[in-house]
Amino acid sequence: MCFFEIILHLEKAPNGLGFSKCNILSTKQLHNMIKALTTISFLVLSNVFMTLAWYGHLKFKDMKGFTTLGLFTIILISWGVAFFEYCFQVPANKIGYIENGGPFNLWQLKVIQEVITLTVFTVFTIVFFKNETFRLNHLIGFCFLILAVYFIFKK
């Protein structure tokens, strides 16, 4: 028996006292789960670097030694940070794409990436930009994005 085949799905018994049934994950199911988690993890890392590259320089005015940098220098620094974004974004899409053996089609990859982008951006903004507030209209917009995820993944 393959090592991965011993991972179990356990279902609660109707009486709530224990487990009534054990289903062994197939190697293919486990492989798809690992690819999905790898894809999502890489997309999160990619978006952290993207957010830093796109918006991190806006905090340079608060950092000693960075206040006098010209626009061209800031662009070069951002490109350097964005390199790491691509080091995670490209493999995430390659691993996750269904035609490469991954679990997601292009529509699904894109909507996952957008939701992750907004989530990372929100955390970044709240943590690093204290003058920005998260308001109800932002939350409502994010709820619509979650609905978009639902409809994109609906068969």
N, C-alpha and C. Protein backbone atom coordinates (compact mmCIF):
# COMPACT_ATOMS: atom_id res chain seq x y z
N MET A 1 0.85 -1.18 0.00
CA MET A 1 0.00 0.00 0.00
C MET A 1 0.89 1.24 0.00
N CYS A 2 0.55 2.18 -0.88
CA CYS A 2 1.29 3.43 -0.98
C CYS A 2 1.12 4.25 0.30
N PHE A 3 2.17 4.96 0.68
CA PHE A 3 2.14 5.79 1.88
C PHE A 3 0.96 6.76 1.87
N PHE A 4 0.72 7.36 0.70
CA PHE A 4 -0.34 8.36 0.59
C PHE A 4 -1.73 7.75 0.71
N GLU A 5 -1.85 6.46 0.45
CA GLU A 5 -3.15 5.82 0.50
C GLU A 5 -3.63 5.56 1.93
N ILE A 6 -2.76 5.73 2.90
CA ILE A 6 -3.18 5.49 4.27
C ILE A 6 -3.78 6.72 4.94
N ILE A 7 -3.80 7.86 4.22
CA ILE A 7 -4.48 9.04 4.75
C ILE A 7 -5.98 8.80 4.64
N LEU A 8 -6.70 9.01 5.72
CA LEU A 8 -8.10 8.64 5.78
C LEU A 8 -9.02 9.84 5.79
N HIS A 9 -10.19 9.66 5.19
CA HIS A 9 -11.31 10.58 5.36
C HIS A 9 -12.22 9.92 6.37
N LEU A 10 -12.52 10.57 7.45
CA LEU A 10 -13.36 10.00 8.49
C LEU A 10 -14.69 10.73 8.52
N GLU A 11 -15.75 9.97 8.56
CA GLU A 11 -17.08 10.56 8.65
C GLU A 11 -17.66 10.25 10.02
N LYS A 12 -18.30 11.24 10.63
CA LYS A 12 -18.93 11.07 11.95
C LYS A 12 -20.08 10.09 11.87
N ALA A 13 -20.19 9.25 12.89
CA ALA A 13 -21.32 8.33 12.99
C ALA A 13 -22.58 9.13 13.31
N PRO A 14 -23.73 8.66 12.88
CA PRO A 14 -24.97 9.40 13.14
C PRO A 14 -25.22 9.65 14.63
N ASN A 15 -24.77 8.74 15.49
CA ASN A 15 -24.99 8.93 16.92
C ASN A 15 -24.00 9.90 17.54
N GLY A 16 -23.02 10.36 16.76
CA GLY A 16 -22.05 11.32 17.24
C GLY A 16 -21.01 10.76 18.19
N LEU A 17 -21.00 9.44 18.37
CA LEU A 17 -20.08 8.84 19.33
C LEU A 17 -18.75 8.41 18.74
N GLY A 18 -18.67 8.36 17.47
CA GLY A 18 -17.42 7.90 16.88
C GLY A 18 -17.45 8.05 15.38
N PHE A 19 -16.69 7.24 14.72
CA PHE A 19 -16.62 7.29 13.27
C PHE A 19 -17.24 6.02 12.69
N SER A 20 -18.11 6.20 11.73
CA SER A 20 -18.83 5.07 11.17
C SER A 20 -18.18 4.50 9.93
N LYS A 21 -17.41 5.30 9.23
CA LYS A 21 -16.91 4.85 7.95
C LYS A 21 -15.55 5.50 7.68
N CYS A 22 -14.65 4.75 7.13
CA CYS A 22 -13.35 5.28 6.75
C CYS A 22 -13.17 5.10 5.25
N ASN A 23 -12.85 6.16 4.55
CA ASN A 23 -12.58 6.08 3.12
C ASN A 23 -11.12 6.43 2.89
N ILE A 24 -10.44 5.58 2.18
CA ILE A 24 -9.04 5.85 1.87
C ILE A 24 -8.98 6.74 0.64
N LEU A 25 -8.20 7.81 0.74
CA LEU A 25 -8.01 8.68 -0.42
C LEU A 25 -7.22 7.93 -1.48
N SER A 26 -7.62 8.07 -2.71
CA SER A 26 -6.84 7.47 -3.78
C SER A 26 -5.58 8.30 -3.98
N THR A 27 -4.61 7.69 -4.60
CA THR A 27 -3.36 8.40 -4.88
C THR A 27 -3.63 9.62 -5.75
N LYS A 28 -4.55 9.48 -6.71
CA LYS A 28 -4.87 10.60 -7.60
C LYS A 28 -5.54 11.74 -6.83
N GLN A 29 -6.46 11.42 -5.92
CA GLN A 29 -7.11 12.46 -5.12
C GLN A 29 -6.10 13.20 -4.26
N LEU A 30 -5.21 12.45 -3.64
CA LEU A 30 -4.18 13.06 -2.81
C LEU A 30 -3.24 13.92 -3.65
N HIS A 31 -2.88 13.41 -4.81
CA HIS A 31 -2.00 14.15 -5.71
C HIS A 31 -2.66 15.47 -6.11
N ASN A 32 -3.96 15.45 -6.45
CA ASN A 32 -4.67 16.69 -6.80
C ASN A 32 -4.76 17.64 -5.62
N MET A 33 -4.97 17.11 -4.41
CA MET A 33 -5.04 17.95 -3.23
C MET A 33 -3.69 18.63 -2.98
N ILE A 34 -2.62 17.88 -3.12
CA ILE A 34 -1.28 18.45 -2.93
C ILE A 34 -1.01 19.53 -3.98
N LYS A 35 -1.38 19.25 -5.24
CA LYS A 35 -1.19 20.25 -6.30
C LYS A 35 -2.02 21.51 -6.04
N ALA A 36 -3.25 21.34 -5.56
CA ALA A 36 -4.10 22.48 -5.26
C ALA A 36 -3.51 23.32 -4.13
N LEU A 37 -3.06 22.66 -3.07
CA LEU A 37 -2.47 23.39 -1.93
C LEU A 37 -1.16 24.06 -2.33
N THR A 38 -0.36 23.39 -3.15
CA THR A 38 0.89 23.98 -3.63
C THR A 38 0.59 25.21 -4.48
N THR A 39 -0.37 25.07 -5.39
CA THR A 39 -0.76 26.19 -6.26
C THR A 39 -1.21 27.38 -5.43
N ILE A 40 -2.10 27.15 -4.49
CA ILE A 40 -2.62 28.24 -3.66
C ILE A 40 -1.52 28.86 -2.80
N SER A 41 -0.65 28.03 -2.24
CA SER A 41 0.46 28.55 -1.42
C SER A 41 1.40 29.42 -2.26
N PHE A 42 1.72 28.95 -3.46
CA PHE A 42 2.59 29.73 -4.34
C PHE A 42 1.90 31.03 -4.76
N LEU A 43 0.60 30.98 -4.99
CA LEU A 43 -0.11 32.21 -5.35
C LEU A 43 -0.11 33.21 -4.20
N VAL A 44 -0.23 32.73 -2.98
CA VAL A 44 -0.17 33.64 -1.82
C VAL A 44 1.21 34.28 -1.74
N LEU A 45 2.27 33.47 -1.85
CA LEU A 45 3.63 34.02 -1.81
C LEU A 45 3.86 35.00 -2.95
N SER A 46 3.40 34.65 -4.13
CA SER A 46 3.53 35.52 -5.29
C SER A 46 2.86 36.87 -5.02
N ASN A 47 1.69 36.82 -4.45
CA ASN A 47 0.95 38.06 -4.20
C ASN A 47 1.55 38.90 -3.09
N VAL A 48 2.21 38.28 -2.14
CA VAL A 48 2.93 39.05 -1.13
C VAL A 48 4.02 39.87 -1.81
N PHE A 49 4.80 39.23 -2.68
CA PHE A 49 5.85 39.96 -3.39
C PHE A 49 5.27 41.00 -4.34
N MET A 50 4.16 40.66 -5.02
CA MET A 50 3.53 41.62 -5.93
C MET A 50 3.07 42.86 -5.19
N THR A 51 2.43 42.65 -4.05
CA THR A 51 1.93 43.79 -3.27
C THR A 51 3.09 44.64 -2.78
N LEU A 52 4.16 44.00 -2.34
CA LEU A 52 5.34 44.77 -1.92
C LEU A 52 5.93 45.55 -3.08
N ALA A 53 6.00 44.93 -4.26
CA ALA A 53 6.57 45.61 -5.42
C ALA A 53 5.70 46.78 -5.87
N TRP A 54 4.39 46.59 -5.86
CA TRP A 54 3.49 47.62 -6.36
C TRP A 54 3.23 48.73 -5.36
N TYR A 55 3.16 48.40 -4.07
CA TYR A 55 2.73 49.39 -3.07
C TYR A 55 3.75 49.64 -1.96
N GLY A 56 4.72 48.77 -1.80
CA GLY A 56 5.70 48.91 -0.72
C GLY A 56 6.50 50.20 -0.81
N HIS A 57 6.79 50.62 -2.04
CA HIS A 57 7.59 51.85 -2.21
C HIS A 57 6.87 53.09 -1.70
N LEU A 58 5.56 53.00 -1.51
CA LEU A 58 4.83 54.14 -0.99
C LEU A 58 5.19 54.43 0.47
N LYS A 59 5.81 53.46 1.13
CA LYS A 59 6.26 53.65 2.51
C LYS A 59 7.72 54.11 2.57
N PHE A 60 8.40 54.23 1.42
CA PHE A 60 9.80 54.67 1.42
C PHE A 60 9.98 56.01 2.09
N LYS A 61 8.97 56.87 2.01
CA LYS A 61 9.09 58.21 2.62
C LYS A 61 9.27 58.12 4.12
N ASP A 62 8.88 57.00 4.71
CA ASP A 62 9.03 56.80 6.16
C ASP A 62 10.33 56.08 6.53
N MET A 63 11.12 55.70 5.53
CA MET A 63 12.33 54.91 5.79
C MET A 63 13.58 55.75 5.52
N LYS A 64 14.45 55.75 6.51
CA LYS A 64 15.68 56.53 6.38
C LYS A 64 16.51 56.01 5.19
N GLY A 65 16.99 56.92 4.39
CA GLY A 65 17.82 56.56 3.24
C GLY A 65 17.04 56.33 1.96
N PHE A 66 15.75 56.16 2.05
CA PHE A 66 14.94 55.92 0.86
C PHE A 66 14.19 57.16 0.40
N THR A 67 14.18 58.20 1.21
CA THR A 67 13.37 59.39 0.90
C THR A 67 13.88 60.14 -0.32
N THR A 68 15.15 60.01 -0.64
CA THR A 68 15.71 60.79 -1.76
C THR A 68 15.80 59.99 -3.05
N LEU A 69 15.30 58.78 -3.06
CA LEU A 69 15.39 57.96 -4.27
C LEU A 69 14.52 58.52 -5.38
N GLY A 70 15.05 58.47 -6.59
CA GLY A 70 14.29 58.93 -7.75
C GLY A 70 13.36 57.83 -8.25
N LEU A 71 12.47 58.20 -9.12
CA LEU A 71 11.47 57.27 -9.65
C LEU A 71 12.12 56.07 -10.35
N PHE A 72 13.15 56.31 -11.14
CA PHE A 72 13.81 55.22 -11.85
C PHE A 72 14.39 54.19 -10.87
N THR A 73 15.00 54.66 -9.80
CA THR A 73 15.55 53.76 -8.79
C THR A 73 14.44 52.96 -8.10
N ILE A 74 13.34 53.62 -7.82
CA ILE A 74 12.20 52.92 -7.20
C ILE A 74 11.65 51.86 -8.15
N ILE A 75 11.60 52.18 -9.43
CA ILE A 75 11.14 51.19 -10.42
C ILE A 75 12.08 49.98 -10.42
N LEU A 76 13.38 50.22 -10.39
CA LEU A 76 14.34 49.11 -10.38
C LEU A 76 14.19 48.25 -9.13
N ILE A 77 14.00 48.89 -7.99
CA ILE A 77 13.79 48.14 -6.74
C ILE A 77 12.51 47.31 -6.85
N SER A 78 11.46 47.91 -7.37
CA SER A 78 10.19 47.19 -7.53
C SER A 78 10.33 46.02 -8.50
N TRP A 79 11.07 46.20 -9.57
CA TRP A 79 11.32 45.09 -10.50
C TRP A 79 12.07 43.96 -9.81
N GLY A 80 13.03 44.33 -8.98
CA GLY A 80 13.77 43.30 -8.23
C GLY A 80 12.86 42.50 -7.31
N VAL A 81 11.93 43.18 -6.65
CA VAL A 81 10.97 42.48 -5.79
C VAL A 81 10.01 41.66 -6.65
N ALA A 82 9.57 42.22 -7.78
CA ALA A 82 8.63 41.53 -8.66
C ALA A 82 9.23 40.26 -9.26
N PHE A 83 10.54 40.20 -9.37
CA PHE A 83 11.18 38.96 -9.85
C PHE A 83 10.74 37.78 -9.00
N PHE A 84 10.69 37.98 -7.69
CA PHE A 84 10.29 36.89 -6.80
C PHE A 84 8.80 36.57 -6.94
N GLU A 85 8.02 37.59 -7.29
CA GLU A 85 6.61 37.32 -7.59
C GLU A 85 6.51 36.30 -8.72
N TYR A 86 7.26 36.52 -9.78
CA TYR A 86 7.21 35.62 -10.93
C TYR A 86 7.79 34.24 -10.59
N CYS A 87 8.74 34.20 -9.68
CA CYS A 87 9.31 32.91 -9.27
C CYS A 87 8.27 32.01 -8.61
N PHE A 88 7.20 32.59 -8.09
CA PHE A 88 6.11 31.81 -7.51
C PHE A 88 4.87 31.76 -8.42
N GLN A 89 4.58 32.85 -9.12
CA GLN A 89 3.38 32.92 -9.96
C GLN A 89 3.44 31.93 -11.11
N VAL A 90 4.54 31.90 -11.82
CA VAL A 90 4.65 31.02 -12.99
C VAL A 90 4.55 29.54 -12.58
N PRO A 91 5.30 29.09 -11.57
CA PRO A 91 5.13 27.68 -11.16
C PRO A 91 3.74 27.38 -10.62
N ALA A 92 3.12 28.34 -9.93
CA ALA A 92 1.76 28.12 -9.41
C ALA A 92 0.81 27.81 -10.55
N ASN A 93 0.86 28.60 -11.60
CA ASN A 93 -0.02 28.37 -12.74
C ASN A 93 0.33 27.08 -13.48
N LYS A 94 1.61 26.79 -13.59
CA LYS A 94 2.03 25.57 -14.27
C LYS A 94 1.59 24.33 -13.50
N ILE A 95 1.79 24.34 -12.19
CA ILE A 95 1.40 23.21 -11.34
C ILE A 95 -0.11 23.07 -11.28
N GLY A 96 -0.82 24.19 -11.19
CA GLY A 96 -2.26 24.15 -10.98
C GLY A 96 -3.10 23.94 -12.23
N TYR A 97 -2.53 24.18 -13.41
CA TYR A 97 -3.31 24.14 -14.65
C TYR A 97 -3.70 22.72 -15.01
N ILE A 98 -4.95 22.52 -15.31
CA ILE A 98 -5.52 21.19 -15.56
C ILE A 98 -4.83 20.46 -16.71
N GLU A 99 -4.40 21.19 -17.73
CA GLU A 99 -3.75 20.53 -18.87
C GLU A 99 -2.32 20.12 -18.56
N ASN A 100 -1.80 20.55 -17.42
CA ASN A 100 -0.49 20.09 -16.94
C ASN A 100 -0.65 19.08 -15.80
N GLY A 101 -1.86 18.57 -15.63
CA GLY A 101 -2.12 17.60 -14.57
C GLY A 101 -2.61 18.21 -13.27
N GLY A 102 -2.84 19.52 -13.27
CA GLY A 102 -3.32 20.19 -12.07
C GLY A 102 -4.83 20.13 -11.94
N PRO A 103 -5.36 20.65 -10.85
CA PRO A 103 -6.79 20.56 -10.61
C PRO A 103 -7.63 21.72 -11.13
N PHE A 104 -7.02 22.79 -11.66
CA PHE A 104 -7.76 24.01 -11.99
C PHE A 104 -7.70 24.34 -13.48
N ASN A 105 -8.82 24.87 -14.00
CA ASN A 105 -8.79 25.42 -15.36
C ASN A 105 -8.35 26.89 -15.27
N LEU A 106 -8.20 27.53 -16.43
CA LEU A 106 -7.69 28.92 -16.43
C LEU A 106 -8.62 29.87 -15.69
N TRP A 107 -9.92 29.71 -15.86
CA TRP A 107 -10.88 30.58 -15.17
C TRP A 107 -10.73 30.45 -13.66
N GLN A 108 -10.59 29.23 -13.20
CA GLN A 108 -10.45 28.99 -11.76
C GLN A 108 -9.14 29.56 -11.23
N LEU A 109 -8.05 29.35 -11.98
CA LEU A 109 -6.76 29.91 -11.56
C LEU A 109 -6.84 31.43 -11.43
N LYS A 110 -7.49 32.06 -12.40
CA LYS A 110 -7.55 33.53 -12.39
C LYS A 110 -8.38 34.06 -11.22
N VAL A 111 -9.52 33.45 -10.96
CA VAL A 111 -10.37 33.96 -9.88
C VAL A 111 -9.74 33.66 -8.52
N ILE A 112 -9.05 32.53 -8.37
CA ILE A 112 -8.32 32.25 -7.13
C ILE A 112 -7.27 33.33 -6.92
N GLN A 113 -6.53 33.64 -7.97
CA GLN A 113 -5.47 34.64 -7.89
C GLN A 113 -6.03 36.00 -7.50
N GLU A 114 -7.16 36.38 -8.06
CA GLU A 114 -7.74 37.69 -7.75
C GLU A 114 -8.21 37.78 -6.30
N VAL A 115 -8.82 36.72 -5.81
CA VAL A 115 -9.27 36.72 -4.41
C VAL A 115 -8.06 36.77 -3.47
N ILE A 116 -7.02 36.01 -3.79
CA ILE A 116 -5.81 36.05 -2.98
C ILE A 116 -5.19 37.44 -3.03
N THR A 117 -5.15 38.03 -4.21
CA THR A 117 -4.59 39.38 -4.36
C THR A 117 -5.30 40.37 -3.44
N LEU A 118 -6.62 40.37 -3.46
CA LEU A 118 -7.35 41.31 -2.62
C LEU A 118 -7.19 41.01 -1.14
N THR A 119 -7.09 39.74 -0.79
CA THR A 119 -6.90 39.37 0.61
C THR A 119 -5.53 39.85 1.10
N VAL A 120 -4.49 39.56 0.32
CA VAL A 120 -3.13 39.99 0.69
C VAL A 120 -3.07 41.52 0.73
N PHE A 121 -3.67 42.17 -0.27
CA PHE A 121 -3.67 43.63 -0.31
C PHE A 121 -4.37 44.21 0.92
N THR A 122 -5.49 43.63 1.31
CA THR A 122 -6.23 44.11 2.47
C THR A 122 -5.39 44.02 3.74
N VAL A 123 -4.77 42.86 3.95
CA VAL A 123 -3.92 42.68 5.14
C VAL A 123 -2.76 43.68 5.09
N PHE A 124 -2.11 43.79 3.95
CA PHE A 124 -0.99 44.72 3.77
C PHE A 124 -1.41 46.15 4.09
N THR A 125 -2.55 46.56 3.55
CA THR A 125 -3.02 47.94 3.74
C THR A 125 -3.34 48.21 5.21
N ILE A 126 -4.02 47.28 5.86
CA ILE A 126 -4.39 47.47 7.26
C ILE A 126 -3.16 47.50 8.16
N VAL A 127 -2.18 46.65 7.86
CA VAL A 127 -0.99 46.56 8.71
C VAL A 127 -0.02 47.72 8.47
N PHE A 128 0.23 48.07 7.21
CA PHE A 128 1.28 49.04 6.90
C PHE A 128 0.79 50.47 6.65
N PHE A 129 -0.46 50.63 6.29
CA PHE A 129 -0.99 51.96 6.02
C PHE A 129 -2.12 52.23 7.01
N LYS A 130 -1.76 52.78 8.12
CA LYS A 130 -2.72 53.02 9.21
C LYS A 130 -3.77 54.07 8.85
N ASN A 131 -3.49 54.90 7.84
CA ASN A 131 -4.45 55.94 7.46
C ASN A 131 -5.55 55.40 6.54
N GLU A 132 -5.44 54.16 6.09
CA GLU A 132 -6.47 53.55 5.25
C GLU A 132 -7.38 52.71 6.14
N THR A 133 -8.69 52.77 5.89
CA THR A 133 -9.63 51.99 6.69
C THR A 133 -10.37 50.99 5.81
N PHE A 134 -10.71 49.88 6.41
CA PHE A 134 -11.51 48.86 5.74
C PHE A 134 -12.97 49.14 6.07
N ARG A 135 -13.76 49.43 5.03
CA ARG A 135 -15.14 49.85 5.25
C ARG A 135 -16.13 48.81 4.75
N LEU A 136 -17.39 49.05 5.05
CA LEU A 136 -18.46 48.13 4.69
C LEU A 136 -18.52 47.90 3.18
N ASN A 137 -18.34 48.94 2.38
CA ASN A 137 -18.40 48.75 0.94
C ASN A 137 -17.29 47.82 0.44
N HIS A 138 -16.13 47.83 1.10
CA HIS A 138 -15.05 46.89 0.75
C HIS A 138 -15.50 45.46 1.06
N LEU A 139 -16.09 45.27 2.23
CA LEU A 139 -16.57 43.95 2.62
C LEU A 139 -17.64 43.44 1.66
N ILE A 140 -18.55 44.29 1.26
CA ILE A 140 -19.60 43.90 0.31
C ILE A 140 -18.98 43.50 -1.03
N GLY A 141 -18.01 44.28 -1.48
CA GLY A 141 -17.31 43.94 -2.73
C GLY A 141 -16.62 42.59 -2.64
N PHE A 142 -16.00 42.31 -1.51
CA PHE A 142 -15.33 41.02 -1.32
C PHE A 142 -16.34 39.89 -1.30
N CYS A 143 -17.51 40.14 -0.74
CA CYS A 143 -18.56 39.10 -0.74
C CYS A 143 -18.97 38.78 -2.18
N PHE A 144 -19.05 39.79 -3.02
CA PHE A 144 -19.35 39.54 -4.43
C PHE A 144 -18.24 38.74 -5.10
N LEU A 145 -17.01 38.99 -4.70
CA LEU A 145 -15.90 38.20 -5.25
C LEU A 145 -15.99 36.74 -4.81
N ILE A 146 -16.41 36.52 -3.58
CA ILE A 146 -16.58 35.15 -3.11
C ILE A 146 -17.70 34.48 -3.90
N LEU A 147 -18.74 35.23 -4.21
CA LEU A 147 -19.79 34.70 -5.08
C LEU A 147 -19.24 34.37 -6.47
N ALA A 148 -18.33 35.20 -6.96
CA ALA A 148 -17.70 34.93 -8.25
C ALA A 148 -16.94 33.60 -8.19
N VAL A 149 -16.23 33.36 -7.10
CA VAL A 149 -15.52 32.09 -6.94
C VAL A 149 -16.52 30.94 -6.99
N TYR A 150 -17.62 31.09 -6.28
CA TYR A 150 -18.65 30.04 -6.27
C TYR A 150 -19.12 29.74 -7.68
N PHE A 151 -19.44 30.77 -8.45
CA PHE A 151 -19.98 30.55 -9.78
C PHE A 151 -18.92 30.05 -10.76
N ILE A 152 -17.69 30.48 -10.61
CA ILE A 152 -16.61 30.00 -11.48
C ILE A 152 -16.36 28.51 -11.27
N PHE A 153 -16.46 28.06 -10.01
CA PHE A 153 -16.19 26.66 -9.69
C PHE A 153 -17.41 25.76 -9.86
N LYS A 154 -18.59 26.35 -10.05
CA LYS A 154 -19.82 25.56 -10.18
C LYS A 154 -19.77 24.79 -11.50
N LYS A 155 -20.07 23.53 -11.41
CA LYS A 155 -20.07 22.66 -12.62
C LYS A 155 -21.37 22.82 -13.38
